N, C-alpha and C. Protein backbone atom coordinates (compact mmCIF):
# COMPACT_ATOMS: atom_id res chain seq x y z
N MET A 1 -16.07 31.60 -22.46
CA MET A 1 -17.24 30.49 -22.19
C MET A 1 -17.69 30.93 -21.07
N ASN A 2 -18.93 30.34 -21.06
CA ASN A 2 -19.94 30.93 -19.51
C ASN A 2 -19.89 29.61 -18.79
N LEU A 3 -20.80 29.94 -17.66
CA LEU A 3 -20.81 28.86 -17.06
C LEU A 3 -21.96 27.63 -17.51
N ASP A 4 -22.95 28.25 -17.80
CA ASP A 4 -24.08 26.79 -18.24
C ASP A 4 -23.55 25.85 -19.58
N LYS A 5 -21.97 26.66 -20.79
CA LYS A 5 -21.38 25.83 -21.43
C LYS A 5 -20.79 24.79 -20.49
N LEU A 6 -20.29 25.39 -19.45
CA LEU A 6 -19.11 24.10 -18.78
C LEU A 6 -19.63 23.60 -18.39
N LYS A 7 -20.68 23.45 -17.73
CA LYS A 7 -21.72 22.66 -16.63
C LYS A 7 -21.95 21.48 -18.31
N GLU A 8 -22.39 21.77 -19.29
CA GLU A 8 -22.95 21.26 -20.28
C GLU A 8 -21.91 20.19 -20.95
N LYS A 9 -20.48 20.48 -20.88
CA LYS A 9 -19.56 20.35 -21.70
C LYS A 9 -18.71 19.01 -20.72
N PHE A 10 -19.09 19.48 -19.31
CA PHE A 10 -18.45 18.64 -18.62
C PHE A 10 -19.16 17.64 -17.94
N ARG A 11 -20.74 17.83 -17.77
CA ARG A 11 -21.69 17.10 -17.15
C ARG A 11 -21.51 18.07 -15.81
N LEU A 12 -21.50 18.39 -15.57
CA LEU A 12 -21.43 18.67 -13.89
C LEU A 12 -22.84 19.87 -13.87
N SER A 13 -23.04 19.60 -12.26
CA SER A 13 -24.40 20.00 -11.89
C SER A 13 -23.48 21.23 -11.07
N SER A 14 -24.54 22.50 -10.80
CA SER A 14 -24.36 23.57 -10.38
C SER A 14 -23.05 23.35 -9.12
N LYS A 15 -23.55 22.55 -8.30
CA LYS A 15 -22.82 22.00 -7.05
C LYS A 15 -21.57 21.74 -7.51
N GLN A 16 -21.23 20.82 -8.34
CA GLN A 16 -20.36 20.16 -8.61
C GLN A 16 -19.09 21.12 -9.33
N LEU A 17 -19.80 22.31 -9.89
CA LEU A 17 -18.92 23.27 -10.64
C LEU A 17 -18.27 24.46 -9.65
N ILE A 18 -19.02 24.22 -8.63
CA ILE A 18 -18.97 25.17 -7.33
C ILE A 18 -17.91 24.95 -6.59
N TYR A 19 -17.72 23.54 -6.59
CA TYR A 19 -16.86 22.75 -5.56
C TYR A 19 -15.50 22.83 -6.44
N LEU A 20 -15.95 22.97 -8.03
CA LEU A 20 -14.20 22.75 -8.56
C LEU A 20 -13.76 24.12 -8.53
N GLY A 21 -14.72 25.42 -8.72
CA GLY A 21 -13.96 26.53 -8.73
C GLY A 21 -13.11 26.79 -7.07
N VAL A 22 -13.72 26.59 -6.16
CA VAL A 22 -13.33 26.49 -4.99
C VAL A 22 -11.98 25.59 -5.01
N ALA A 23 -12.15 24.65 -5.52
CA ALA A 23 -10.83 23.87 -5.27
C ALA A 23 -9.38 24.38 -6.46
N VAL A 24 -9.91 24.39 -7.23
CA VAL A 24 -8.80 25.38 -8.12
C VAL A 24 -8.30 26.82 -7.54
N LEU A 25 -8.93 27.39 -7.02
CA LEU A 25 -8.75 28.58 -6.16
C LEU A 25 -8.29 28.22 -4.70
N SER A 26 -8.14 27.40 -4.13
CA SER A 26 -7.46 26.54 -2.99
C SER A 26 -5.78 26.39 -3.59
N VAL A 27 -5.98 25.80 -4.53
CA VAL A 27 -4.83 25.23 -5.01
C VAL A 27 -4.00 26.79 -5.42
N ILE A 28 -4.45 27.56 -6.31
CA ILE A 28 -3.82 28.42 -6.87
C ILE A 28 -3.20 29.34 -5.02
N LEU A 29 -4.28 29.59 -4.41
CA LEU A 29 -3.44 30.02 -3.08
C LEU A 29 -2.56 29.26 -2.16
N ILE A 30 -2.81 27.98 -2.38
CA ILE A 30 -1.48 27.43 -1.68
C ILE A 30 -0.06 27.67 -2.47
N LEU A 31 -0.02 27.40 -3.75
CA LEU A 31 1.05 27.48 -4.41
C LEU A 31 1.31 28.99 -4.33
N ALA A 32 0.63 29.76 -4.27
CA ALA A 32 1.11 31.25 -3.98
C ALA A 32 2.09 31.36 -2.94
N LEU A 33 1.18 31.15 -1.46
CA LEU A 33 1.84 31.24 -0.18
C LEU A 33 2.95 30.04 -0.17
N ASN A 34 3.17 29.31 -0.80
CA ASN A 34 4.26 28.47 -0.39
C ASN A 34 5.44 28.94 -1.50
N GLY A 35 5.24 29.74 -2.14
CA GLY A 35 5.92 30.60 -2.95
C GLY A 35 6.99 32.09 -2.08
N PHE A 36 5.89 32.11 -1.29
CA PHE A 36 6.64 33.40 -0.27
C PHE A 36 7.23 32.64 0.73
N GLU A 37 6.78 32.01 0.86
CA GLU A 37 7.52 30.98 2.92
C GLU A 37 8.91 30.74 1.74
N SER A 38 9.44 30.41 0.32
CA SER A 38 10.72 29.36 0.37
C SER A 38 11.48 31.32 0.05
N ASP A 39 10.48 31.89 -0.21
CA ASP A 39 11.65 33.85 -0.64
C ASP A 39 11.64 33.76 0.94
N ASN A 40 10.79 33.70 1.40
CA ASN A 40 11.74 34.10 3.37
C ASN A 40 12.57 33.22 3.98
N GLU A 41 12.87 31.89 3.64
CA GLU A 41 13.90 31.03 4.10
C GLU A 41 15.52 31.30 3.61
N VAL A 42 14.99 31.69 2.15
CA VAL A 42 16.15 32.11 1.62
C VAL A 42 17.17 33.31 2.25
N SER A 43 15.91 34.14 2.34
CA SER A 43 16.44 35.52 2.97
C SER A 43 17.03 35.56 4.66
N GLU A 44 16.62 34.23 5.17
CA GLU A 44 17.11 34.26 6.43
C GLU A 44 18.01 33.33 6.50
N ASP A 45 18.54 32.37 5.60
CA ASP A 45 19.68 32.16 5.48
C ASP A 45 20.55 33.31 5.10
N LEU A 46 20.15 33.77 4.19
CA LEU A 46 21.01 34.81 3.91
C LEU A 46 22.08 35.73 4.79
N GLU A 47 21.28 36.05 5.86
CA GLU A 47 21.35 37.09 6.84
C GLU A 47 22.38 36.31 7.57
N THR A 48 22.67 35.03 7.95
CA THR A 48 23.43 34.60 8.79
C THR A 48 24.60 34.60 8.14
N ILE A 49 24.80 34.48 6.89
CA ILE A 49 26.07 34.49 6.04
C ILE A 49 27.25 35.47 6.53
N PRO A 50 27.04 36.45 6.49
CA PRO A 50 27.78 37.88 7.28
C PRO A 50 28.28 36.91 8.65
N ASP A 51 27.58 36.86 9.48
CA ASP A 51 28.28 36.28 11.08
C ASP A 51 29.02 35.29 10.62
N MET A 52 28.79 34.47 9.95
CA MET A 52 29.61 33.01 9.54
C MET A 52 30.98 33.32 9.19
N SER A 53 31.15 34.20 8.31
CA SER A 53 32.08 34.95 7.48
C SER A 53 32.81 35.37 9.06
N SER A 54 32.34 36.64 9.69
CA SER A 54 33.34 37.33 10.58
C SER A 54 33.76 36.53 11.58
N LYS A 55 33.09 35.06 11.98
CA LYS A 55 33.55 34.30 12.65
C LYS A 55 34.59 33.27 12.76
N TYR A 56 34.32 32.99 10.69
CA TYR A 56 35.80 32.29 10.21
C TYR A 56 36.93 32.81 10.16
N ALA A 57 36.40 34.36 9.59
CA ALA A 57 37.71 35.90 9.50
C ALA A 57 38.45 35.62 10.97
N GLU A 58 37.66 35.74 12.18
CA GLU A 58 38.49 35.65 13.27
C GLU A 58 39.35 34.42 14.22
N GLU A 59 38.78 33.58 13.37
CA GLU A 59 38.90 32.09 13.75
C GLU A 59 40.45 31.81 13.28
N LEU A 60 40.30 32.25 11.86
CA LEU A 60 41.55 32.15 10.86
C LEU A 60 42.99 32.80 11.24
N ARG A 61 42.43 35.14 11.79
CA ARG A 61 43.39 35.16 12.35
C ARG A 61 44.27 34.59 13.33
N LEU A 62 43.12 34.17 14.39
CA LEU A 62 43.86 34.12 15.65
C LEU A 62 44.66 32.55 15.27
N GLN A 63 44.41 31.88 14.64
CA GLN A 63 45.16 30.63 14.28
C GLN A 63 46.73 30.87 13.23
N LEU A 64 46.56 32.13 12.83
CA LEU A 64 47.74 32.60 12.17
C LEU A 64 48.86 32.80 13.42
N GLU A 65 48.20 33.80 14.17
CA GLU A 65 48.97 34.39 14.97
C GLU A 65 49.57 33.49 15.72
N GLU A 66 48.48 32.63 16.32
CA GLU A 66 49.63 31.49 17.01
C GLU A 66 51.11 30.59 16.23
N ILE A 67 50.40 30.16 15.12
CA ILE A 67 51.94 29.51 14.54
C ILE A 67 52.31 30.06 14.26
N ILE A 68 52.07 31.92 13.43
CA ILE A 68 53.16 32.38 12.71
C ILE A 68 54.22 32.93 14.27
N SER A 69 53.79 33.03 15.45
CA SER A 69 54.77 33.38 16.65
C SER A 69 55.09 32.22 17.15
N LYS A 70 55.19 31.06 16.76
CA LYS A 70 56.39 29.76 16.52
C LYS A 70 57.50 29.45 16.03
N ILE A 71 57.34 30.48 15.07
CA ILE A 71 58.81 30.67 13.70
C ILE A 71 59.85 31.61 15.03
N ASP A 72 60.65 30.65 14.45
CA ASP A 72 61.90 31.64 15.74
C ASP A 72 62.48 32.73 15.08
N GLY A 73 62.46 33.67 16.04
CA GLY A 73 63.21 34.94 15.73
C GLY A 73 61.69 35.80 15.26
N VAL A 74 60.08 35.25 15.54
CA VAL A 74 59.22 36.31 15.49
C VAL A 74 59.23 37.03 16.23
N GLY A 75 58.68 36.67 17.50
CA GLY A 75 58.69 37.55 18.53
C GLY A 75 56.58 37.45 18.44
N ASP A 76 56.43 38.83 19.34
CA ASP A 76 54.77 38.92 18.93
C ASP A 76 54.71 39.37 18.04
N VAL A 77 53.25 38.31 17.82
CA VAL A 77 52.26 38.39 16.29
C VAL A 77 51.10 39.33 16.31
N THR A 78 50.61 40.24 15.88
CA THR A 78 49.34 40.70 15.15
C THR A 78 49.07 40.63 13.95
N VAL A 79 47.94 40.28 13.27
CA VAL A 79 47.54 39.95 12.00
C VAL A 79 46.34 40.33 11.76
N MET A 80 46.07 40.67 10.66
CA MET A 80 45.08 41.57 9.89
C MET A 80 44.65 41.04 8.89
N LEU A 81 43.59 40.65 8.72
CA LEU A 81 43.48 39.84 7.40
C LEU A 81 41.91 40.66 6.22
N THR A 82 42.25 40.43 5.37
CA THR A 82 41.64 41.53 4.22
C THR A 82 40.89 40.21 3.60
N ILE A 83 39.16 40.53 3.78
CA ILE A 83 37.92 39.44 3.37
C ILE A 83 37.28 39.73 2.14
N GLU A 84 38.05 39.09 1.17
CA GLU A 84 37.28 39.46 -0.27
C GLU A 84 35.90 39.10 -0.64
N SER A 85 35.13 38.13 -0.06
CA SER A 85 34.00 37.75 -0.08
C SER A 85 33.37 37.42 1.06
N SER A 86 32.09 37.10 0.82
CA SER A 86 31.71 36.25 2.22
C SER A 86 31.42 35.21 2.33
N ALA A 87 30.94 34.18 3.36
CA ALA A 87 30.45 32.92 2.49
C ALA A 87 29.23 32.52 1.88
N SER A 88 29.33 31.54 1.29
CA SER A 88 28.07 31.24 0.74
C SER A 88 27.68 29.98 0.83
N TYR A 89 26.44 29.92 0.84
CA TYR A 89 25.83 28.56 0.99
C TYR A 89 25.59 27.42 -0.96
N VAL A 90 26.34 26.50 -0.60
CA VAL A 90 26.01 25.58 -1.89
C VAL A 90 24.71 24.44 -1.59
N TYR A 91 23.57 24.43 -1.92
CA TYR A 91 22.64 23.54 -1.84
C TYR A 91 22.45 22.32 -2.99
N THR A 92 22.44 21.34 -2.60
CA THR A 92 22.15 20.18 -3.10
C THR A 92 20.77 20.16 -4.11
N THR A 93 21.29 19.80 -5.34
CA THR A 93 20.09 19.91 -6.15
C THR A 93 19.95 18.81 -7.16
N ASP A 94 18.61 18.70 -7.42
CA ASP A 94 17.86 17.06 -7.92
C ASP A 94 17.72 17.87 -9.53
N ILE A 95 18.16 16.86 -10.42
CA ILE A 95 18.78 16.99 -11.93
C ILE A 95 17.44 16.04 -12.49
N ASP A 96 16.18 16.47 -13.28
CA ASP A 96 15.54 15.85 -13.44
C ASP A 96 15.55 15.68 -14.98
N LYS A 97 15.79 14.55 -15.77
CA LYS A 97 16.07 14.79 -17.42
C LYS A 97 14.96 14.15 -17.98
N ASP A 98 14.40 14.79 -19.19
CA ASP A 98 13.82 13.56 -19.99
C ASP A 98 13.99 14.28 -21.53
N GLU A 99 13.01 13.46 -22.53
CA GLU A 99 13.78 14.00 -23.42
C GLU A 99 13.79 15.37 -24.41
N LEU A 100 12.80 15.92 -23.28
CA LEU A 100 12.68 17.68 -23.95
C LEU A 100 13.39 18.38 -23.63
N GLU A 101 13.47 18.29 -21.79
CA GLU A 101 13.90 19.36 -20.87
C GLU A 101 14.56 18.72 -19.53
N THR A 102 15.32 19.29 -19.50
CA THR A 102 15.97 19.14 -17.82
C THR A 102 15.60 20.00 -16.59
N LYS A 103 15.00 19.62 -15.61
CA LYS A 103 14.77 20.49 -14.57
C LYS A 103 15.55 19.87 -13.65
N THR A 104 16.00 21.26 -12.91
CA THR A 104 16.89 21.12 -11.83
C THR A 104 16.48 22.19 -10.31
N GLU A 105 16.08 21.28 -9.26
CA GLU A 105 15.31 21.76 -8.12
C GLU A 105 16.12 21.38 -7.05
N THR A 106 16.21 22.37 -5.75
CA THR A 106 17.03 22.42 -4.86
C THR A 106 15.92 21.24 -4.13
N VAL A 107 17.34 20.40 -3.46
CA VAL A 107 16.40 19.28 -2.45
C VAL A 107 16.09 19.91 -1.14
N ILE A 108 14.76 19.48 -0.88
CA ILE A 108 14.20 20.21 0.34
C ILE A 108 14.02 19.03 1.42
N ILE A 109 14.25 18.99 2.66
CA ILE A 109 14.34 17.82 3.26
C ILE A 109 13.45 18.20 4.54
N GLY A 110 12.85 17.54 5.55
CA GLY A 110 12.08 18.00 6.42
C GLY A 110 10.98 18.94 6.92
N ASN A 111 11.44 20.10 7.13
CA ASN A 111 10.08 21.23 7.46
C ASN A 111 10.72 22.15 6.77
N LYS A 112 10.65 22.17 5.15
CA LYS A 112 10.72 22.97 4.01
C LYS A 112 12.34 23.60 4.15
N GLU A 113 13.47 22.66 5.03
CA GLU A 113 15.11 23.23 4.66
C GLU A 113 15.41 22.76 3.57
N ALA A 114 16.54 23.70 2.96
CA ALA A 114 17.13 22.99 1.69
C ALA A 114 18.18 21.65 2.16
N LEU A 115 19.21 21.04 1.19
CA LEU A 115 19.91 20.50 2.27
C LEU A 115 21.29 20.96 1.61
N ILE A 116 21.99 21.42 2.53
CA ILE A 116 23.18 21.93 2.02
C ILE A 116 24.26 21.21 1.58
N GLU A 117 24.98 21.18 0.59
CA GLU A 117 25.88 20.47 -0.05
C GLU A 117 27.28 21.13 0.38
N ARG A 118 27.71 22.28 0.57
CA ARG A 118 28.90 22.91 0.85
C ARG A 118 28.34 24.49 1.58
N ILE A 119 29.70 24.69 2.16
CA ILE A 119 29.62 26.16 2.75
C ILE A 119 31.10 26.33 2.11
N ASP A 120 31.11 27.31 1.51
CA ASP A 120 32.23 27.73 0.75
C ASP A 120 32.78 29.05 1.93
N ASN A 121 33.74 28.93 2.25
CA ASN A 121 34.16 30.26 2.95
C ASN A 121 34.70 31.38 2.20
N PRO A 122 35.01 32.29 3.30
CA PRO A 122 35.32 33.82 2.15
C PRO A 122 36.74 33.79 1.84
N GLN A 123 37.03 34.16 1.04
CA GLN A 123 37.81 34.27 0.45
C GLN A 123 38.87 35.69 1.06
N VAL A 124 40.23 34.79 1.56
CA VAL A 124 41.04 36.15 1.94
C VAL A 124 42.42 37.10 1.01
N SER A 125 42.18 38.26 0.99
CA SER A 125 42.29 38.64 -0.45
C SER A 125 43.90 39.42 0.34
N GLY A 126 44.14 39.28 1.53
CA GLY A 126 45.43 40.05 1.56
C GLY A 126 45.75 39.89 3.28
N VAL A 127 46.83 39.84 3.85
CA VAL A 127 47.07 39.75 5.08
C VAL A 127 48.30 40.80 5.28
N LEU A 128 47.92 41.67 6.90
CA LEU A 128 49.56 42.25 6.91
C LEU A 128 49.47 41.29 8.44
N VAL A 129 50.86 41.21 8.38
CA VAL A 129 51.52 40.76 9.58
C VAL A 129 52.48 41.42 10.41
N VAL A 130 52.14 42.13 11.98
CA VAL A 130 52.59 43.08 12.02
C VAL A 130 53.67 42.08 13.62
N CYS A 131 55.19 42.20 13.35
CA CYS A 131 55.76 41.07 14.38
C CYS A 131 57.49 41.65 14.80
N THR A 132 57.74 41.40 16.13
CA THR A 132 58.46 41.96 16.51
C THR A 132 60.06 42.16 15.37
N GLY A 133 60.10 40.61 15.13
CA GLY A 133 60.91 40.43 14.42
C GLY A 133 60.76 40.80 12.88
N GLY A 134 59.88 41.45 12.52
CA GLY A 134 59.49 41.71 10.93
C GLY A 134 60.73 42.79 10.49
N ASP A 135 61.39 43.32 10.94
CA ASP A 135 62.32 44.06 10.27
C ASP A 135 63.60 43.36 9.78
N ARG A 136 63.58 41.72 9.95
CA ARG A 136 64.69 41.30 9.28
C ARG A 136 64.15 40.62 8.27
N ALA A 137 64.74 40.44 7.13
CA ALA A 137 64.69 40.10 5.75
C ALA A 137 64.28 38.46 5.85
N VAL A 138 65.08 37.49 6.90
CA VAL A 138 64.76 36.16 7.02
C VAL A 138 63.39 35.57 7.46
N ILE A 139 63.42 36.62 8.49
CA ILE A 139 61.97 36.54 9.21
C ILE A 139 60.76 36.73 8.37
N GLN A 140 61.21 38.07 7.50
CA GLN A 140 59.83 38.57 6.29
C GLN A 140 59.47 37.48 5.39
N GLU A 141 60.69 37.01 5.02
CA GLU A 141 60.65 35.20 4.09
C GLU A 141 60.29 34.26 4.55
N GLN A 142 60.24 33.79 5.90
CA GLN A 142 59.82 32.68 6.16
C GLN A 142 58.00 32.93 6.57
N VAL A 143 57.68 34.19 6.88
CA VAL A 143 56.88 34.56 7.62
C VAL A 143 55.66 34.73 5.91
N ILE A 144 56.09 35.00 5.07
CA ILE A 144 55.56 35.74 3.73
C ILE A 144 54.94 33.96 3.16
N LYS A 145 56.17 33.18 3.61
CA LYS A 145 55.72 31.93 2.48
C LYS A 145 54.81 31.49 3.81
N ALA A 146 55.11 30.86 4.78
CA ALA A 146 54.16 30.41 5.65
C ALA A 146 52.25 30.77 5.20
N VAL A 147 52.13 32.11 5.21
CA VAL A 147 50.64 32.57 5.12
C VAL A 147 50.49 32.68 3.91
N SER A 148 51.19 32.82 2.73
CA SER A 148 51.19 32.14 1.09
C SER A 148 50.49 31.01 1.28
N THR A 149 51.31 29.96 2.02
CA THR A 149 51.33 28.23 1.76
C THR A 149 49.80 27.94 2.39
N VAL A 150 49.76 28.62 3.48
CA VAL A 150 48.02 28.41 4.24
C VAL A 150 46.97 28.66 3.92
N LEU A 151 46.90 29.87 3.45
CA LEU A 151 46.09 30.42 2.54
C LEU A 151 45.76 30.53 1.07
N ASP A 152 47.17 29.53 0.59
CA ASP A 152 46.72 29.79 -0.92
C ASP A 152 46.46 30.90 -1.70
N ILE A 153 47.24 32.31 -1.36
CA ILE A 153 47.18 33.23 -1.72
C ILE A 153 48.66 33.49 -1.79
N PRO A 154 49.02 34.58 -3.45
CA PRO A 154 50.29 34.85 -3.68
C PRO A 154 50.74 35.53 -2.86
N SER A 155 52.51 35.29 -2.42
CA SER A 155 53.37 36.02 -1.66
C SER A 155 52.73 37.38 -1.39
N ASN A 156 52.73 38.81 -3.35
CA ASN A 156 52.51 39.56 -3.17
C ASN A 156 51.58 40.14 -2.11
N LYS A 157 50.77 39.54 -1.81
CA LYS A 157 49.40 39.83 -1.06
C LYS A 157 49.59 39.45 0.45
N VAL A 158 50.74 39.51 1.21
CA VAL A 158 51.48 39.45 2.23
C VAL A 158 52.43 40.51 2.55
N TYR A 159 52.34 40.90 3.48
CA TYR A 159 53.36 42.15 4.44
C TYR A 159 53.62 41.46 5.56
N VAL A 160 54.66 42.03 5.37
CA VAL A 160 55.12 41.45 6.76
C VAL A 160 55.48 43.06 7.22
N ALA A 161 55.61 43.57 8.41
CA ALA A 161 56.72 44.75 9.32
C ALA A 161 56.70 45.01 10.70
N LYS A 162 57.91 45.38 10.95
CA LYS A 162 57.55 45.37 12.73
C LYS A 162 57.03 46.04 13.07
N SER A 163 56.75 45.25 14.61
CA SER A 163 56.59 46.16 15.32
C SER A 163 57.09 46.67 16.86
N ASN A 164 56.60 48.22 16.99
CA ASN A 164 57.51 49.05 17.55
C ASN A 164 57.28 48.77 19.27
């Protein structure tokens, strides 16, 4: 379809057709740029996740060392954690349903920031506990039960050894 036919069909002047073209191109440009901004924001959020994971693992390790050292007969304690995954964000979504389709969109607040519903901490897949009393079966059993209970991991994922 050429421009003359468009002008006749919609009864537009040449100026109005130019303004309409500029408006359409502006909308397309804004939508394209908006898409690039949201991709950058997600990648920035993902860059902070490993830092959060290492802080979480370090805090957890320190808490375990402190509580295990209070068990009678354990003595000095060193804990090593093996982390299976990293922390992840779960964003709040808004579900819009109609008769034909369902749309799910991330909830955006303020200055184009996604609303975080929760942060899932990394999963611990194994624990090594080295302690002074680690050669005694009773101490090993108590430490294994304590660690597996606190972290909700199976007891075969916890190993206790004697320190030298």
